Amino acid sequence: MKIKISNKLNIIPISLYLTWIGFVLYFFFFQIISFSKETPCGAEYMMIGLPIFTFVFSLIALLLIAIINLFSKKKYYTDYEFISIPFFALIVIMVYIKLIQMKDKFYKYILNLQDQITSKLDEIDFMIKF
């Protein structure tokens, strides 16, 4: 299977979208750690803002491609895969990152709960001995 843009007019929105996805992936994998050390609030805003802007930009790119395809008398869904496949891959990466963060929080919660139960049992054991 050869990856090729069917409608040459779609090169501009597709290239802009793929550039945006590259920026988002670069920022998430390489810049968010150093950015969070400098300004933790700014890093949190970027963690929330980038996926929202990516979702909005995906919708805009899909609409642009559909409009361009309708005006050039092609099927409206031509070249949608260049937007949808990176978008769904980005969603999978974001969900994976969130699950890892939730796993760490859950593990810390279980350890804290275990410590609380152990301390309560020690208190009860101490009260029973005296």
N, C-alpha and C. Protein backbone atom coordinates (compact mmCIF):
# COMPACT_ATOMS: atom_id res chain seq x y z
N MET A 1 0.84 -1.18 0.00
CA MET A 1 0.00 0.00 0.00
C MET A 1 0.89 1.24 0.00
N LYS A 2 0.63 2.09 -0.91
CA LYS A 2 1.41 3.32 -1.03
C LYS A 2 0.65 4.45 -0.37
N ILE A 3 1.36 5.19 0.46
CA ILE A 3 0.73 6.33 1.12
C ILE A 3 0.88 7.53 0.19
N LYS A 4 -0.25 8.03 -0.27
CA LYS A 4 -0.22 9.12 -1.23
C LYS A 4 -1.44 10.00 -1.00
N ILE A 5 -1.25 11.29 -1.09
CA ILE A 5 -2.36 12.23 -0.98
C ILE A 5 -3.08 12.24 -2.32
N SER A 6 -4.37 11.89 -2.28
CA SER A 6 -5.14 11.77 -3.53
C SER A 6 -5.45 13.13 -4.14
N ASN A 7 -5.83 14.07 -3.32
CA ASN A 7 -6.16 15.40 -3.79
C ASN A 7 -5.00 16.33 -3.43
N LYS A 8 -4.31 16.86 -4.44
CA LYS A 8 -3.13 17.69 -4.20
C LYS A 8 -3.45 18.98 -3.46
N LEU A 9 -4.71 19.41 -3.49
CA LEU A 9 -5.07 20.62 -2.75
C LEU A 9 -5.09 20.40 -1.24
N ASN A 10 -5.13 19.14 -0.83
CA ASN A 10 -5.17 18.83 0.61
C ASN A 10 -3.78 18.83 1.25
N ILE A 11 -2.76 19.11 0.48
CA ILE A 11 -1.40 19.08 1.02
C ILE A 11 -1.23 20.13 2.13
N ILE A 12 -1.80 21.30 1.95
CA ILE A 12 -1.60 22.37 2.94
C ILE A 12 -2.22 22.02 4.29
N PRO A 13 -3.53 21.66 4.37
CA PRO A 13 -4.05 21.33 5.70
C PRO A 13 -3.42 20.08 6.31
N ILE A 14 -3.08 19.11 5.46
CA ILE A 14 -2.47 17.88 5.99
C ILE A 14 -1.07 18.18 6.53
N SER A 15 -0.29 18.96 5.80
CA SER A 15 1.06 19.28 6.28
C SER A 15 1.02 20.13 7.54
N LEU A 16 0.08 21.07 7.62
CA LEU A 16 -0.06 21.86 8.85
C LEU A 16 -0.45 20.98 10.03
N TYR A 17 -1.36 20.06 9.79
CA TYR A 17 -1.80 19.18 10.87
C TYR A 17 -0.67 18.25 11.32
N LEU A 18 0.05 17.67 10.39
CA LEU A 18 1.15 16.78 10.77
C LEU A 18 2.27 17.54 11.47
N THR A 19 2.49 18.79 11.08
CA THR A 19 3.46 19.62 11.79
C THR A 19 3.00 19.87 13.22
N TRP A 20 1.70 20.14 13.40
CA TRP A 20 1.15 20.36 14.73
C TRP A 20 1.29 19.10 15.59
N ILE A 21 0.99 17.94 15.02
CA ILE A 21 1.12 16.68 15.76
C ILE A 21 2.58 16.45 16.15
N GLY A 22 3.50 16.75 15.26
CA GLY A 22 4.92 16.63 15.58
C GLY A 22 5.31 17.54 16.73
N PHE A 23 4.81 18.77 16.73
CA PHE A 23 5.08 19.70 17.82
C PHE A 23 4.52 19.18 19.14
N VAL A 24 3.30 18.67 19.12
CA VAL A 24 2.67 18.17 20.35
C VAL A 24 3.45 16.97 20.90
N LEU A 25 3.82 16.04 20.04
CA LEU A 25 4.58 14.88 20.50
C LEU A 25 5.95 15.28 21.03
N TYR A 26 6.62 16.20 20.33
CA TYR A 26 7.92 16.68 20.81
C TYR A 26 7.76 17.33 22.18
N PHE A 27 6.74 18.15 22.34
CA PHE A 27 6.56 18.83 23.61
C PHE A 27 6.25 17.84 24.73
N PHE A 28 5.39 16.87 24.47
CA PHE A 28 5.02 15.92 25.52
C PHE A 28 6.19 15.03 25.92
N PHE A 29 7.00 14.61 24.98
CA PHE A 29 8.05 13.67 25.32
C PHE A 29 9.36 14.32 25.76
N PHE A 30 9.63 15.54 25.31
CA PHE A 30 10.93 16.11 25.60
C PHE A 30 10.89 17.40 26.42
N GLN A 31 9.84 18.18 26.32
CA GLN A 31 9.84 19.49 26.96
C GLN A 31 9.02 19.57 28.24
N ILE A 32 8.04 18.72 28.42
CA ILE A 32 7.13 18.87 29.56
C ILE A 32 7.85 18.65 30.89
N ILE A 33 8.87 17.79 30.92
CA ILE A 33 9.58 17.53 32.17
C ILE A 33 10.39 18.75 32.58
N SER A 34 11.14 19.32 31.65
CA SER A 34 11.93 20.51 32.00
C SER A 34 11.03 21.71 32.26
N PHE A 35 9.92 21.79 31.55
CA PHE A 35 8.99 22.90 31.75
C PHE A 35 8.29 22.80 33.10
N SER A 36 7.98 21.58 33.55
CA SER A 36 7.30 21.42 34.83
C SER A 36 8.21 21.73 36.00
N LYS A 37 9.54 21.59 35.82
CA LYS A 37 10.48 21.95 36.89
C LYS A 37 10.54 23.46 37.06
N GLU A 38 10.41 24.19 35.96
CA GLU A 38 10.50 25.65 36.02
C GLU A 38 9.19 26.25 36.52
N THR A 39 8.09 25.92 35.85
CA THR A 39 6.78 26.45 36.23
C THR A 39 5.76 25.33 36.20
N PRO A 40 5.43 24.75 37.36
CA PRO A 40 4.50 23.63 37.36
C PRO A 40 3.10 24.00 36.88
N CYS A 41 2.65 25.22 37.18
CA CYS A 41 1.32 25.63 36.72
C CYS A 41 1.28 25.76 35.20
N GLY A 42 2.33 26.29 34.62
CA GLY A 42 2.39 26.42 33.17
C GLY A 42 2.39 25.07 32.48
N ALA A 43 3.08 24.10 33.09
CA ALA A 43 3.10 22.75 32.52
C ALA A 43 1.71 22.12 32.57
N GLU A 44 0.98 22.37 33.66
CA GLU A 44 -0.37 21.81 33.75
C GLU A 44 -1.29 22.46 32.73
N TYR A 45 -1.15 23.76 32.52
CA TYR A 45 -1.96 24.42 31.49
C TYR A 45 -1.66 23.84 30.11
N MET A 46 -0.38 23.57 29.85
CA MET A 46 -0.02 23.01 28.56
C MET A 46 -0.53 21.57 28.42
N MET A 47 -0.52 20.80 29.51
CA MET A 47 -1.03 19.44 29.47
C MET A 47 -2.52 19.42 29.17
N ILE A 48 -3.23 20.45 29.61
CA ILE A 48 -4.66 20.54 29.34
C ILE A 48 -4.91 21.19 27.99
N GLY A 49 -4.15 22.23 27.67
CA GLY A 49 -4.40 23.01 26.47
C GLY A 49 -4.03 22.32 25.17
N LEU A 50 -2.91 21.62 25.14
CA LEU A 50 -2.48 20.99 23.90
C LEU A 50 -3.46 19.94 23.37
N PRO A 51 -3.98 19.05 24.21
CA PRO A 51 -4.98 18.11 23.66
C PRO A 51 -6.26 18.79 23.19
N ILE A 52 -6.68 19.85 23.89
CA ILE A 52 -7.89 20.56 23.47
C ILE A 52 -7.66 21.25 22.13
N PHE A 53 -6.53 21.93 21.99
CA PHE A 53 -6.22 22.58 20.71
C PHE A 53 -6.04 21.56 19.60
N THR A 54 -5.48 20.41 19.93
CA THR A 54 -5.30 19.36 18.93
C THR A 54 -6.65 18.84 18.46
N PHE A 55 -7.59 18.65 19.38
CA PHE A 55 -8.93 18.21 19.01
C PHE A 55 -9.61 19.24 18.11
N VAL A 56 -9.53 20.50 18.48
CA VAL A 56 -10.14 21.57 17.67
C VAL A 56 -9.47 21.65 16.31
N PHE A 57 -8.15 21.59 16.29
CA PHE A 57 -7.40 21.65 15.04
C PHE A 57 -7.73 20.46 14.14
N SER A 58 -7.97 19.28 14.75
CA SER A 58 -8.36 18.10 13.96
C SER A 58 -9.70 18.31 13.29
N LEU A 59 -10.65 18.84 14.03
CA LEU A 59 -11.97 19.11 13.44
C LEU A 59 -11.87 20.13 12.31
N ILE A 60 -11.09 21.18 12.53
CA ILE A 60 -10.92 22.21 11.49
C ILE A 60 -10.25 21.61 10.25
N ALA A 61 -9.23 20.78 10.46
CA ALA A 61 -8.54 20.16 9.32
C ALA A 61 -9.47 19.22 8.56
N LEU A 62 -10.27 18.44 9.28
CA LEU A 62 -11.23 17.56 8.61
C LEU A 62 -12.27 18.34 7.82
N LEU A 63 -12.75 19.44 8.39
CA LEU A 63 -13.71 20.28 7.67
C LEU A 63 -13.07 20.91 6.43
N LEU A 64 -11.84 21.39 6.57
CA LEU A 64 -11.15 21.97 5.41
C LEU A 64 -10.95 20.95 4.30
N ILE A 65 -10.56 19.74 4.68
CA ILE A 65 -10.37 18.70 3.68
C ILE A 65 -11.70 18.35 3.01
N ALA A 66 -12.77 18.26 3.79
CA ALA A 66 -14.08 17.96 3.21
C ALA A 66 -14.53 19.06 2.25
N ILE A 67 -14.32 20.31 2.63
CA ILE A 67 -14.71 21.43 1.77
C ILE A 67 -13.87 21.45 0.50
N ILE A 68 -12.58 21.27 0.63
CA ILE A 68 -11.70 21.25 -0.55
C ILE A 68 -12.09 20.10 -1.48
N ASN A 69 -12.37 18.94 -0.91
CA ASN A 69 -12.76 17.79 -1.73
C ASN A 69 -14.09 18.03 -2.44
N LEU A 70 -15.03 18.68 -1.78
CA LEU A 70 -16.32 18.96 -2.42
C LEU A 70 -16.16 19.94 -3.58
N PHE A 71 -15.31 20.95 -3.39
CA PHE A 71 -15.10 21.93 -4.47
C PHE A 71 -14.30 21.35 -5.62
N SER A 72 -13.46 20.38 -5.35
CA SER A 72 -12.67 19.79 -6.43
C SER A 72 -13.32 18.52 -6.99
N LYS A 73 -14.58 18.28 -6.63
CA LYS A 73 -15.40 17.17 -7.16
C LYS A 73 -14.80 15.80 -6.85
N LYS A 74 -14.26 15.64 -5.66
CA LYS A 74 -13.77 14.34 -5.19
C LYS A 74 -14.70 13.87 -4.08
N LYS A 75 -14.53 12.61 -3.67
CA LYS A 75 -15.29 12.12 -2.53
C LYS A 75 -14.88 12.92 -1.31
N TYR A 76 -15.86 13.27 -0.48
CA TYR A 76 -15.57 14.18 0.63
C TYR A 76 -14.61 13.57 1.65
N TYR A 77 -14.55 12.26 1.75
CA TYR A 77 -13.69 11.62 2.74
C TYR A 77 -12.30 11.26 2.20
N THR A 78 -11.95 11.73 1.03
CA THR A 78 -10.63 11.48 0.47
C THR A 78 -9.58 12.15 1.36
N ASP A 79 -8.54 11.43 1.68
CA ASP A 79 -7.40 11.89 2.49
C ASP A 79 -7.74 12.12 3.97
N TYR A 80 -8.83 11.58 4.46
CA TYR A 80 -9.14 11.71 5.89
C TYR A 80 -8.16 10.93 6.76
N GLU A 81 -7.57 9.87 6.21
CA GLU A 81 -6.69 9.04 7.03
C GLU A 81 -5.46 9.80 7.50
N PHE A 82 -5.05 10.84 6.79
CA PHE A 82 -3.88 11.61 7.20
C PHE A 82 -4.16 12.44 8.45
N ILE A 83 -5.43 12.68 8.72
CA ILE A 83 -5.81 13.41 9.93
C ILE A 83 -6.25 12.43 11.02
N SER A 84 -7.05 11.44 10.65
CA SER A 84 -7.64 10.58 11.66
C SER A 84 -6.63 9.62 12.30
N ILE A 85 -5.73 9.05 11.53
CA ILE A 85 -4.78 8.08 12.11
C ILE A 85 -3.84 8.75 13.12
N PRO A 86 -3.20 9.89 12.81
CA PRO A 86 -2.38 10.53 13.86
C PRO A 86 -3.20 11.00 15.05
N PHE A 87 -4.45 11.43 14.81
CA PHE A 87 -5.30 11.88 15.91
C PHE A 87 -5.61 10.72 16.86
N PHE A 88 -5.98 9.57 16.33
CA PHE A 88 -6.28 8.43 17.18
C PHE A 88 -5.02 7.89 17.86
N ALA A 89 -3.89 7.95 17.19
CA ALA A 89 -2.63 7.55 17.82
C ALA A 89 -2.30 8.49 18.98
N LEU A 90 -2.55 9.77 18.80
CA LEU A 90 -2.30 10.73 19.88
C LEU A 90 -3.24 10.49 21.05
N ILE A 91 -4.49 10.13 20.77
CA ILE A 91 -5.44 9.82 21.84
C ILE A 91 -4.96 8.60 22.63
N VAL A 92 -4.48 7.58 21.93
CA VAL A 92 -3.98 6.38 22.61
C VAL A 92 -2.78 6.73 23.49
N ILE A 93 -1.89 7.58 23.01
CA ILE A 93 -0.72 7.98 23.79
C ILE A 93 -1.15 8.76 25.03
N MET A 94 -2.11 9.68 24.88
CA MET A 94 -2.58 10.47 26.02
C MET A 94 -3.26 9.59 27.07
N VAL A 95 -4.07 8.65 26.62
CA VAL A 95 -4.75 7.75 27.56
C VAL A 95 -3.73 6.88 28.28
N TYR A 96 -2.73 6.42 27.55
CA TYR A 96 -1.68 5.62 28.17
C TYR A 96 -0.93 6.41 29.25
N ILE A 97 -0.61 7.66 28.95
CA ILE A 97 0.08 8.51 29.93
C ILE A 97 -0.80 8.73 31.15
N LYS A 98 -2.09 8.97 30.93
CA LYS A 98 -3.01 9.18 32.05
C LYS A 98 -3.14 7.93 32.89
N LEU A 99 -3.21 6.76 32.25
CA LEU A 99 -3.31 5.52 33.00
C LEU A 99 -2.08 5.27 33.85
N ILE A 100 -0.91 5.61 33.32
CA ILE A 100 0.32 5.46 34.11
C ILE A 100 0.28 6.39 35.31
N GLN A 101 -0.19 7.62 35.12
CA GLN A 101 -0.28 8.55 36.24
C GLN A 101 -1.30 8.07 37.26
N MET A 102 -2.42 7.53 36.80
CA MET A 102 -3.44 7.03 37.72
C MET A 102 -2.93 5.81 38.47
N LYS A 103 -2.16 4.96 37.80
CA LYS A 103 -1.61 3.78 38.46
C LYS A 103 -0.69 4.19 39.60
N ASP A 104 0.15 5.20 39.38
CA ASP A 104 1.04 5.68 40.42
C ASP A 104 0.26 6.27 41.59
N LYS A 105 -0.78 7.04 41.30
CA LYS A 105 -1.61 7.62 42.37
C LYS A 105 -2.32 6.51 43.14
N PHE A 106 -2.83 5.52 42.43
CA PHE A 106 -3.52 4.41 43.09
C PHE A 106 -2.56 3.63 43.97
N TYR A 107 -1.34 3.41 43.49
CA TYR A 107 -0.34 2.69 44.27
C TYR A 107 0.00 3.47 45.55
N LYS A 108 0.16 4.78 45.43
CA LYS A 108 0.44 5.60 46.61
C LYS A 108 -0.74 5.58 47.58
N TYR A 109 -1.95 5.60 47.05
CA TYR A 109 -3.14 5.54 47.90
C TYR A 109 -3.20 4.21 48.66
N ILE A 110 -2.90 3.11 47.99
CA ILE A 110 -2.91 1.79 48.64
C ILE A 110 -1.84 1.73 49.72
N LEU A 111 -0.65 2.25 49.46
CA LEU A 111 0.40 2.26 50.47
C LEU A 111 0.00 3.10 51.68
N ASN A 112 -0.61 4.26 51.43
CA ASN A 112 -1.07 5.11 52.52
C ASN A 112 -2.16 4.40 53.32
N LEU A 113 -3.09 3.75 52.65
CA LEU A 113 -4.15 3.02 53.32
C LEU A 113 -3.57 1.87 54.14
N GLN A 114 -2.59 1.19 53.62
CA GLN A 114 -1.94 0.10 54.33
C GLN A 114 -1.24 0.63 55.59
N ASP A 115 -0.59 1.77 55.48
CA ASP A 115 0.06 2.37 56.65
C ASP A 115 -0.96 2.76 57.71
N GLN A 116 -2.08 3.31 57.29
CA GLN A 116 -3.13 3.70 58.25
C GLN A 116 -3.70 2.48 58.96
N ILE A 117 -3.95 1.42 58.21
CA ILE A 117 -4.50 0.20 58.81
C ILE A 117 -3.49 -0.41 59.78
N THR A 118 -2.22 -0.41 59.40
CA THR A 118 -1.18 -0.96 60.27
C THR A 118 -1.06 -0.15 61.55
N SER A 119 -1.12 1.17 61.45
CA SER A 119 -1.03 1.99 62.66
C SER A 119 -2.25 1.79 63.55
N LYS A 120 -3.43 1.64 63.00
CA LYS A 120 -4.63 1.39 63.80
C LYS A 120 -4.54 0.03 64.48
N LEU A 121 -4.04 -0.98 63.76
CA LEU A 121 -3.88 -2.30 64.36
C LEU A 121 -2.84 -2.28 65.47
N ASP A 122 -1.78 -1.49 65.30
CA ASP A 122 -0.78 -1.36 66.36
C ASP A 122 -1.37 -0.70 67.59
N GLU A 123 -2.22 0.30 67.39
CA GLU A 123 -2.89 0.96 68.53
C GLU A 123 -3.80 -0.03 69.27
N ILE A 124 -4.55 -0.80 68.50
CA ILE A 124 -5.44 -1.78 69.12
C ILE A 124 -4.63 -2.84 69.85
N ASP A 125 -3.55 -3.29 69.26
CA ASP A 125 -2.69 -4.29 69.89
C ASP A 125 -2.09 -3.73 71.16
N PHE A 126 -1.68 -2.47 71.15
CA PHE A 126 -1.10 -1.83 72.34
C PHE A 126 -2.15 -1.73 73.45
N MET A 127 -3.39 -1.38 73.06
CA MET A 127 -4.47 -1.25 74.06
C MET A 127 -4.82 -2.63 74.67
N ILE A 128 -4.75 -3.67 73.88
CA ILE A 128 -5.09 -5.00 74.36
C ILE A 128 -4.01 -5.50 75.32
N LYS A 129 -2.75 -5.19 75.09
CA LYS A 129 -1.66 -5.64 75.96
C LYS A 129 -1.72 -5.00 77.34
N PHE A 130 -2.25 -3.80 77.43
CA PHE A 130 -2.32 -3.13 78.73
C PHE A 130 -3.71 -3.21 79.19
